[in-house]
PDB file of N, CA and C in Angstrom:
ATOM      1  N   UNK A   1       0.828  -1.201   0.000  1.00  0.00           N
ATOM      2  CA  UNK A   1       0.000   0.000   0.000  1.00  0.00           C
ATOM      3  C   UNK A   1       0.868   1.259   0.000  1.00  0.00           C
ATOM      4  N   UNK A   2       1.833   1.321   0.918  1.00  0.00           N
ATOM      5  CA  UNK A   2       2.718   2.480   0.982  1.00  0.00           C
ATOM      6  C   UNK A   2       3.544   2.576  -0.288  1.00  0.00           C
ATOM      7  N   UNK A   3       4.012   1.424  -0.774  1.00  0.00           N
ATOM      8  CA  UNK A   3       4.797   1.409  -2.004  1.00  0.00           C
ATOM      9  C   UNK A   3       3.993   1.948  -3.183  1.00  0.00           C
ATOM     10  N   UNK A   4       2.725   1.601  -3.257  1.00  0.00           N
ATOM     11  CA  UNK A   4       1.865   2.094  -4.326  1.00  0.00           C
ATOM     12  C   UNK A   4       1.699   3.609  -4.246  1.00  0.00           C
ATOM     13  N   UNK A   5       1.503   4.142  -3.063  1.00  0.00           N
ATOM     14  CA  UNK A   5       1.363   5.588  -2.881  1.00  0.00           C
ATOM     15  C   UNK A   5       2.658   6.304  -3.226  1.00  0.00           C
ATOM     16  N   UNK A   6       3.779   5.728  -2.796  1.00  0.00           N
ATOM     17  CA  UNK A   6       5.076   6.321  -3.096  1.00  0.00           C
ATOM     18  C   UNK A   6       5.320   6.332  -4.606  1.00  0.00           C
ATOM     19  N   UNK A   7       5.029   5.221  -5.250  1.00  0.00           N
ATOM     20  CA  UNK A   7       5.234   5.135  -6.701  1.00  0.00           C
ATOM     21  C   UNK A   7       4.361   6.142  -7.444  1.00  0.00           C
ATOM     22  N   UNK A   8       3.119   6.281  -7.027  1.00  0.00           N
ATOM     23  CA  UNK A   8       2.226   7.237  -7.665  1.00  0.00           C
ATOM     24  C   UNK A   8       2.740   8.664  -7.494  1.00  0.00           C
ATOM     25  N   UNK A   9       3.164   9.006  -6.274  1.00  0.00           N
ATOM     26  CA  UNK A   9       3.705  10.338  -6.012  1.00  0.00           C
ATOM     27  C   UNK A   9       4.983  10.568  -6.809  1.00  0.00           C
ATOM     28  N   UNK A  10       5.863   9.588  -6.833  1.00  0.00           N
ATOM     29  CA  UNK A  10       7.111   9.682  -7.603  1.00  0.00           C
ATOM     30  C   UNK A  10       6.820   9.927  -9.078  1.00  0.00           C
ATOM     31  N   UNK A  11       5.902   9.174  -9.628  1.00  0.00           N
ATOM     32  CA  UNK A  11       5.544   9.336 -11.045  1.00  0.00           C
ATOM     33  C   UNK A  11       4.935  10.698 -11.324  1.00  0.00           C
ATOM     34  N   UNK A  12       4.131  11.216 -10.408  1.00  0.00           N
ATOM     35  CA  UNK A  12       3.545  12.548 -10.587  1.00  0.00           C
ATOM     36  C   UNK A  12       4.617  13.625 -10.598  1.00  0.00           C
ATOM     37  N   UNK A  13       5.651  13.444  -9.789  1.00  0.00           N
ATOM     38  CA  UNK A  13       6.738  14.417  -9.737  1.00  0.00           C
ATOM     39  C   UNK A  13       7.646  14.285 -10.954  1.00  0.00           C
ATOM     40  N   UNK A  14       8.019  13.072 -11.304  1.00  0.00           N
ATOM     41  CA  UNK A  14       9.006  12.839 -12.361  1.00  0.00           C
ATOM     42  C   UNK A  14       8.430  12.959 -13.766  1.00  0.00           C
ATOM     43  N   UNK A  15       7.185  12.587 -13.946  1.00  0.00           N
ATOM     44  CA  UNK A  15       6.609  12.504 -15.286  1.00  0.00           C
ATOM     45  C   UNK A  15       5.420  13.438 -15.430  1.00  0.00           C
ATOM     46  N   UNK A  16       5.714  14.699 -15.636  1.00  0.00           N
ATOM     47  CA  UNK A  16       4.688  15.678 -15.909  1.00  0.00           C
ATOM     48  C   UNK A  16       4.146  15.397 -17.309  1.00  0.00           C
ATOM     49  N   UNK A  17       2.828  15.265 -17.482  1.00  0.00           N
ATOM     50  CA  UNK A  17       2.277  14.901 -18.787  1.00  0.00           C
ATOM     51  C   UNK A  17       2.538  15.933 -19.877  1.00  0.00           C
ATOM     52  N   UNK A  18       2.872  17.161 -19.499  1.00  0.00           N
ATOM     53  CA  UNK A  18       3.162  18.194 -20.490  1.00  0.00           C
ATOM     54  C   UNK A  18       4.668  18.361 -20.679  1.00  0.00           C
ATOM     55  N   UNK A  19       5.392  18.516 -19.589  1.00  0.00           N
ATOM     56  CA  UNK A  19       6.827  18.808 -19.669  1.00  0.00           C
ATOM     57  C   UNK A  19       7.694  17.567 -19.802  1.00  0.00           C
ATOM     58  N   UNK A  20       7.346  16.489 -19.155  1.00  0.00           N
ATOM     59  CA  UNK A  20       8.136  15.255 -19.155  1.00  0.00           C
ATOM     60  C   UNK A  20       7.242  14.029 -19.245  1.00  0.00           C
ATOM     61  N   UNK A  21       6.557  13.823 -20.369  1.00  0.00           N
ATOM     62  CA  UNK A  21       5.665  12.668 -20.453  1.00  0.00           C
ATOM     63  C   UNK A  21       6.439  11.356 -20.326  1.00  0.00           C
ATOM     64  N   UNK A  22       5.885  10.435 -19.573  1.00  0.00           N
ATOM     65  CA  UNK A  22       6.586   9.178 -19.286  1.00  0.00           C
ATOM     66  C   UNK A  22       6.935   8.393 -20.542  1.00  0.00           C
ATOM     67  N   UNK A  23       6.111   8.497 -21.596  1.00  0.00           N
ATOM     68  CA  UNK A  23       6.407   7.722 -22.803  1.00  0.00           C
ATOM     69  C   UNK A  23       7.638   8.239 -23.544  1.00  0.00           C
ATOM     70  N   UNK A  24       8.183   9.375 -23.115  1.00  0.00           N
ATOM     71  CA  UNK A  24       9.437   9.884 -23.683  1.00  0.00           C
ATOM     72  C   UNK A  24      10.610   9.777 -22.715  1.00  0.00           C
ATOM     73  N   UNK A  25      10.363   9.830 -21.402  1.00  0.00           N
ATOM     74  CA  UNK A  25      11.480   9.942 -20.465  1.00  0.00           C
ATOM     75  C   UNK A  25      11.677   8.751 -19.526  1.00  0.00           C
ATOM     76  N   UNK A  26      10.657   7.984 -19.269  1.00  0.00           N
ATOM     77  CA  UNK A  26      10.769   6.896 -18.303  1.00  0.00           C
ATOM     78  C   UNK A  26      11.820   5.870 -18.753  1.00  0.00           C
ATOM     79  N   UNK A  27      12.798   5.650 -17.892  1.00  0.00           N
ATOM     80  CA  UNK A  27      13.837   4.674 -18.182  1.00  0.00           C
ATOM     81  C   UNK A  27      14.856   5.125 -19.211  1.00  0.00           C
ATOM     82  N   UNK A  28      14.881   6.398 -19.504  1.00  0.00           N
ATOM     83  CA  UNK A  28      15.778   6.935 -20.532  1.00  0.00           C
ATOM     84  C   UNK A  28      16.824   7.842 -19.922  1.00  0.00           C
ATOM     85  N   UNK A  29      17.996   7.819 -20.497  1.00  0.00           N
ATOM     86  CA  UNK A  29      19.043   8.746 -20.078  1.00  0.00           C
ATOM     87  C   UNK A  29      18.893  10.078 -20.806  1.00  0.00           C
ATOM     88  N   UNK A  30      18.433  10.025 -22.056  1.00  0.00           N
ATOM     89  CA  UNK A  30      18.305  11.231 -22.873  1.00  0.00           C
ATOM     90  C   UNK A  30      16.866  11.393 -23.337  1.00  0.00           C
ATOM     91  N   UNK A  31      16.344  12.603 -23.204  1.00  0.00           N
ATOM     92  CA  UNK A  31      15.008  12.895 -23.715  1.00  0.00           C
ATOM     93  C   UNK A  31      15.100  13.175 -25.208  1.00  0.00           C
ATOM     94  N   UNK A  32      14.159  12.653 -25.986  1.00  0.00           N
ATOM     95  CA  UNK A  32      14.186  12.909 -27.432  1.00  0.00           C
ATOM     96  C   UNK A  32      14.252  14.396 -27.770  1.00  0.00           C
ATOM     97  N   UNK A  33      13.524  15.234 -27.054  1.00  0.00           N
ATOM     98  CA  UNK A  33      13.518  16.669 -27.375  1.00  0.00           C
ATOM     99  C   UNK A  33      14.905  17.280 -27.230  1.00  0.00           C
ATOM    100  N   UNK A  34      15.680  16.794 -26.260  1.00  0.00           N
ATOM    101  CA  UNK A  34      17.033  17.309 -26.070  1.00  0.00           C
ATOM    102  C   UNK A  34      17.968  16.807 -27.171  1.00  0.00           C
ATOM    103  N   UNK A  35      17.771  15.577 -27.613  1.00  0.00           N
ATOM    104  CA  UNK A  35      18.569  15.036 -28.717  1.00  0.00           C
ATOM    105  C   UNK A  35      18.254  15.800 -30.001  1.00  0.00           C
ATOM    106  N   UNK A  36      16.987  16.090 -30.234  1.00  0.00           N
ATOM    107  CA  UNK A  36      16.570  16.839 -31.426  1.00  0.00           C
ATOM    108  C   UNK A  36      17.267  18.198 -31.465  1.00  0.00           C
ATOM    109  N   UNK A  37      17.296  18.878 -30.338  1.00  0.00           N
ATOM    110  CA  UNK A  37      17.959  20.190 -30.270  1.00  0.00           C
ATOM    111  C   UNK A  37      19.467  20.035 -30.437  1.00  0.00           C
ATOM    112  N   UNK A  38      20.061  19.083 -29.712  1.00  0.00           N
ATOM    113  CA  UNK A  38      21.511  18.896 -29.765  1.00  0.00           C
ATOM    114  C   UNK A  38      21.975  18.531 -31.180  1.00  0.00           C
ATOM    115  N   UNK A  39      21.211  17.728 -31.880  1.00  0.00           N
ATOM    116  CA  UNK A  39      21.578  17.299 -33.230  1.00  0.00           C
ATOM    117  C   UNK A  39      21.105  18.288 -34.291  1.00  0.00           C
ATOM    118  N   UNK A  40      20.401  19.343 -33.864  1.00  0.00           N
ATOM    119  CA  UNK A  40      19.912  20.378 -34.775  1.00  0.00           C
ATOM    120  C   UNK A  40      19.048  19.791 -35.892  1.00  0.00           C
ATOM    121  N   UNK A  41      18.121  18.922 -35.505  1.00  0.00           N
ATOM    122  CA  UNK A  41      17.243  18.289 -36.489  1.00  0.00           C
ATOM    123  C   UNK A  41      16.112  19.227 -36.872  1.00  0.00           C
ATOM    124  N   UNK A  42      15.709  19.170 -38.128  1.00  0.00           N
ATOM    125  CA  UNK A  42      14.587  19.987 -38.570  1.00  0.00           C
ATOM    126  C   UNK A  42      13.272  19.338 -38.116  1.00  0.00           C
ATOM    127  N   UNK A  43      12.158  19.947 -38.495  1.00  0.00           N
ATOM    128  CA  UNK A  43      10.837  19.481 -38.047  1.00  0.00           C
ATOM    129  C   UNK A  43      10.590  18.019 -38.396  1.00  0.00           C
ATOM    130  N   UNK A  44      10.816  17.663 -39.661  1.00  0.00           N
ATOM    131  CA  UNK A  44      10.518  16.299 -40.092  1.00  0.00           C
ATOM    132  C   UNK A  44      11.426  15.277 -39.416  1.00  0.00           C
ATOM    133  N   UNK A  45      12.725  15.515 -39.416  1.00  0.00           N
ATOM    134  CA  UNK A  45      13.645  14.557 -38.805  1.00  0.00           C
ATOM    135  C   UNK A  45      13.469  14.507 -37.290  1.00  0.00           C
ATOM    136  N   UNK A  46      13.119  15.623 -36.690  1.00  0.00           N
ATOM    137  CA  UNK A  46      12.826  15.619 -35.260  1.00  0.00           C
ATOM    138  C   UNK A  46      11.645  14.723 -34.932  1.00  0.00           C
ATOM    139  N   UNK A  47      10.634  14.761 -35.779  1.00  0.00           N
ATOM    140  CA  UNK A  47       9.473  13.891 -35.568  1.00  0.00           C
ATOM    141  C   UNK A  47       9.804  12.435 -35.835  1.00  0.00           C
ATOM    142  N   UNK A  48      10.680  12.164 -36.790  1.00  0.00           N
ATOM    143  CA  UNK A  48      11.123  10.784 -37.017  1.00  0.00           C
ATOM    144  C   UNK A  48      11.745  10.248 -35.729  1.00  0.00           C
ATOM    145  N   UNK A  49      12.671  11.012 -35.150  1.00  0.00           N
ATOM    146  CA  UNK A  49      13.321  10.583 -33.910  1.00  0.00           C
ATOM    147  C   UNK A  49      12.297  10.413 -32.789  1.00  0.00           C
ATOM    148  N   UNK A  50      11.382  11.370 -32.684  1.00  0.00           N
ATOM    149  CA  UNK A  50      10.368  11.328 -31.626  1.00  0.00           C
ATOM    150  C   UNK A  50       9.537  10.053 -31.708  1.00  0.00           C
ATOM    151  N   UNK A  51       9.035   9.740 -32.906  1.00  0.00           N
ATOM    152  CA  UNK A  51       8.157   8.578 -33.023  1.00  0.00           C
ATOM    153  C   UNK A  51       8.906   7.256 -32.892  1.00  0.00           C
ATOM    154  N   UNK A  52      10.139   7.207 -33.358  1.00  0.00           N
ATOM    155  CA  UNK A  52      10.923   5.983 -33.172  1.00  0.00           C
ATOM    156  C   UNK A  52      11.225   5.783 -31.693  1.00  0.00           C
ATOM    157  N   UNK A  53      11.562   6.860 -31.000  1.00  0.00           N
ATOM    158  CA  UNK A  53      11.936   6.740 -29.593  1.00  0.00           C
ATOM    159  C   UNK A  53      10.766   6.336 -28.704  1.00  0.00           C
ATOM    160  N   UNK A  54       9.560   6.663 -29.102  1.00  0.00           N
ATOM    161  CA  UNK A  54       8.418   6.311 -28.255  1.00  0.00           C
ATOM    162  C   UNK A  54       7.653   5.095 -28.777  1.00  0.00           C
ATOM    163  N   UNK A  55       8.135   4.489 -29.838  1.00  0.00           N
ATOM    164  CA  UNK A  55       7.429   3.349 -30.449  1.00  0.00           C
ATOM    165  C   UNK A  55       7.083   2.304 -29.395  1.00  0.00           C
ATOM    166  N   UNK A  56       5.790   2.019 -29.289  1.00  0.00           N
ATOM    167  CA  UNK A  56       5.306   1.025 -28.341  1.00  0.00           C
ATOM    168  C   UNK A  56       5.139   1.523 -26.918  1.00  0.00           C
ATOM    169  N   UNK A  57       5.446   2.772 -26.657  1.00  0.00           N
ATOM    170  CA  UNK A  57       5.342   3.299 -25.295  1.00  0.00           C
ATOM    171  C   UNK A  57       4.064   4.105 -25.093  1.00  0.00           C
ATOM    172  N   UNK A  58       3.500   4.646 -26.155  1.00  0.00           N
ATOM    173  CA  UNK A  58       2.277   5.435 -26.025  1.00  0.00           C
ATOM    174  C   UNK A  58       1.166   4.787 -26.841  1.00  0.00           C
ATOM    175  N   UNK A  59       1.345   4.746 -28.127  1.00  0.00           N
ATOM    176  CA  UNK A  59       0.386   4.068 -29.005  1.00  0.00           C
ATOM    177  C   UNK A  59       0.985   2.714 -29.363  1.00  0.00           C
ATOM    178  N   UNK A  60       0.426   2.087 -30.350  1.00  0.00           N
ATOM    179  CA  UNK A  60       0.999   0.836 -30.791  1.00  0.00           C
ATOM    180  C   UNK A  60       2.332   1.063 -31.484  1.00  0.00           C
ATOM    181  N   UNK A  61       3.205   0.078 -31.420  1.00  0.00           N
ATOM    182  CA  UNK A  61       4.516   0.190 -32.046  1.00  0.00           C
ATOM    183  C   UNK A  61       4.391   0.444 -33.534  1.00  0.00           C
ATOM    184  N   UNK A  62       3.530  -0.293 -34.208  1.00  0.00           N
ATOM    185  CA  UNK A  62       3.381  -0.143 -35.655  1.00  0.00           C
ATOM    186  C   UNK A  62       2.888   1.258 -36.000  1.00  0.00           C
ATOM    187  N   UNK A  63       1.939   1.775 -35.253  1.00  0.00           N
ATOM    188  CA  UNK A  63       1.423   3.122 -35.522  1.00  0.00           C
ATOM    189  C   UNK A  63       2.533   4.170 -35.396  1.00  0.00           C
ATOM    190  N   UNK A  64       3.330   4.076 -34.340  1.00  0.00           N
ATOM    191  CA  UNK A  64       4.424   5.036 -34.168  1.00  0.00           C
ATOM    192  C   UNK A  64       5.458   4.898 -35.283  1.00  0.00           C
ATOM    193  N   UNK A  65       5.767   3.687 -35.695  1.00  0.00           N
ATOM    194  CA  UNK A  65       6.726   3.489 -36.782  1.00  0.00           C
ATOM    195  C   UNK A  65       6.172   3.985 -38.114  1.00  0.00           C
ATOM    196  N   UNK A  66       4.868   3.842 -38.316  1.00  0.00           N
ATOM    197  CA  UNK A  66       4.251   4.383 -39.537  1.00  0.00           C
ATOM    198  C   UNK A  66       4.332   5.905 -39.555  1.00  0.00           C
ATOM    199  N   UNK A  67       4.115   6.513 -38.391  1.00  0.00           N
ATOM    200  CA  UNK A  67       4.231   7.971 -38.304  1.00  0.00           C
ATOM    201  C   UNK A  67       5.671   8.404 -38.588  1.00  0.00           C
ATOM    202  N   UNK A  68       6.639   7.685 -38.026  1.00  0.00           N
ATOM    203  CA  UNK A  68       8.052   7.996 -38.277  1.00  0.00           C
ATOM    204  C   UNK A  68       8.353   7.878 -39.764  1.00  0.00           C
ATOM    205  N   UNK A  69       7.856   6.826 -40.393  1.00  0.00           N
ATOM    206  CA  UNK A  69       8.086   6.625 -41.828  1.00  0.00           C
ATOM    207  C   UNK A  69       7.451   7.742 -42.644  1.00  0.00           C
ATOM    208  N   UNK A  70       6.263   8.197 -42.245  1.00  0.00           N
ATOM    209  CA  UNK A  70       5.604   9.288 -42.975  1.00  0.00           C
ATOM    210  C   UNK A  70       6.440  10.556 -42.914  1.00  0.00           C
ATOM    211  N   UNK A  71       6.936  10.893 -41.727  1.00  0.00           N
ATOM    212  CA  UNK A  71       7.776  12.090 -41.597  1.00  0.00           C
ATOM    213  C   UNK A  71       9.079  11.935 -42.374  1.00  0.00           C
ATOM    214  N   UNK A  72       9.634  10.735 -42.405  1.00  0.00           N
ATOM    215  CA  UNK A  72      10.847  10.496 -43.180  1.00  0.00           C
ATOM    216  C   UNK A  72      10.564  10.652 -44.675  1.00  0.00           C
ATOM    217  N   UNK A  73       9.422  10.158 -45.130  1.00  0.00           N
ATOM    218  CA  UNK A  73       9.033  10.325 -46.535  1.00  0.00           C
ATOM    219  C   UNK A  73       8.899  11.805 -46.886  1.00  0.00           C
ATOM    220  N   UNK A  74       8.302  12.594 -45.986  1.00  0.00           N
ATOM    221  CA  UNK A  74       8.164  14.035 -46.248  1.00  0.00           C
ATOM    222  C   UNK A  74       9.533  14.719 -46.309  1.00  0.00           C
ATOM    223  N   UNK A  75      10.442  14.289 -45.441  1.00  0.00           N
ATOM    224  CA  UNK A  75      11.799  14.853 -45.450  1.00  0.00           C
ATOM    225  C   UNK A  75      12.506  14.530 -46.772  1.00  0.00           C
ATOM    226  N   UNK A  76      12.364  13.304 -47.235  1.00  0.00           N
ATOM    227  CA  UNK A  76      12.971  12.898 -48.503  1.00  0.00           C
ATOM    228  C   UNK A  76      12.378  13.698 -49.658  1.00  0.00           C
ATOM    229  N   UNK A  77      11.056  13.839 -49.674  1.00  0.00           N
ATOM    230  CA  UNK A  77      10.401  14.623 -50.731  1.00  0.00           C
ATOM    231  C   UNK A  77      10.909  16.069 -50.728  1.00  0.00           C
ATOM    232  N   UNK A  78      11.039  16.646 -49.549  1.00  0.00           N
ATOM    233  CA  UNK A  78      11.514  18.018 -49.430  1.00  0.00           C
ATOM    234  C   UNK A  78      12.939  18.153 -49.974  1.00  0.00           C
ATOM    235  N   UNK A  79      13.800  17.237 -49.615  1.00  0.00           N
ATOM    236  CA  UNK A  79      15.185  17.297 -50.081  1.00  0.00           C
ATOM    237  C   UNK A  79      15.294  17.044 -51.582  1.00  0.00           C
ATOM    238  N   UNK A  80      14.478  16.126 -52.086  1.00  0.00           N
ATOM    239  CA  UNK A  80      14.491  15.883 -53.534  1.00  0.00           C
ATOM    240  C   UNK A  80      14.015  17.116 -54.293  1.00  0.00           C
ATOM    241  N   UNK A  81      12.990  17.776 -53.781  1.00  0.00           N
ATOM    242  CA  UNK A  81      12.490  19.002 -54.413  1.00  0.00           C
ATOM    243  C   UNK A  81      13.555  20.090 -54.390  1.00  0.00           C
ATOM    244  N   UNK A  82      14.251  20.220 -53.270  1.00  0.00           N
ATOM    245  CA  UNK A  82      15.307  21.228 -53.156  1.00  0.00           C
ATOM    246  C   UNK A  82      16.437  20.944 -54.138  1.00  0.00           C
ATOM    247  N   UNK A  83      16.811  19.677 -54.273  1.00  0.00           N
ATOM    248  CA  UNK A  83      17.876  19.311 -55.213  1.00  0.00           C
ATOM    249  C   UNK A  83      17.479  19.648 -56.644  1.00  0.00           C
ATOM    250  N   UNK A  84      16.235  19.352 -56.991  1.00  0.00           N
ATOM    251  CA  UNK A  84      15.760  19.665 -58.355  1.00  0.00           C
ATOM    252  C   UNK A  84      15.776  21.172 -58.593  1.00  0.00           C
ATOM    253  N   UNK A  85      15.369  21.923 -57.597  1.00  0.00           N
ATOM    254  CA  UNK A  85      15.358  23.385 -57.718  1.00  0.00           C
ATOM    255  C   UNK A  85      16.773  23.928 -57.931  1.00  0.00           C
ATOM    256  N   UNK A  86      17.729  23.441 -57.133  1.00  0.00           N
ATOM    257  CA  UNK A  86      19.104  23.912 -57.267  1.00  0.00           C
ATOM    258  C   UNK A  86      19.712  23.518 -58.601  1.00  0.00           C
ATOM    259  N   UNK A  87      19.379  22.350 -59.103  1.00  0.00           N
ATOM    260  CA  UNK A  87      19.897  21.925 -60.404  1.00  0.00           C
ATOM    261  C   UNK A  87      19.329  22.768 -61.534  1.00  0.00           C
ATOM    262  N   UNK A  88      18.114  23.256 -61.343  1.00  0.00           N
ATOM    263  CA  UNK A  88      17.466  24.057 -62.370  1.00  0.00           C
ATOM    264  C   UNK A  88      18.045  25.478 -62.441  1.00  0.00           C
ATOM    265  N   UNK A  89      18.687  25.905 -61.369  1.00  0.00           N
ATOM    266  CA  UNK A  89      19.228  27.274 -61.338  1.00  0.00           C
ATOM    267  C   UNK A  89      20.500  27.378 -62.102  1.00  0.00           C
TER     268      UNK A  89
END
């Protein structure tokens, strides 16, 4: 009983649903948001990292991996478009 109360209180302190959601930080040394900033990832690649890092922790693993793949596809499309534009100049 005491252990359950302690665990609940600990989780409320450590895993703020807005600032530190457990599906991103629980059991992790590095938060995805900090890695995204440190690696200077753009919007699409940042979301790829985010969804891969939380795969199976919030939604289903397949759903998170599909989201990561979608963002990766958008990043590839963006880079291909940029390359075509530069070649045309």
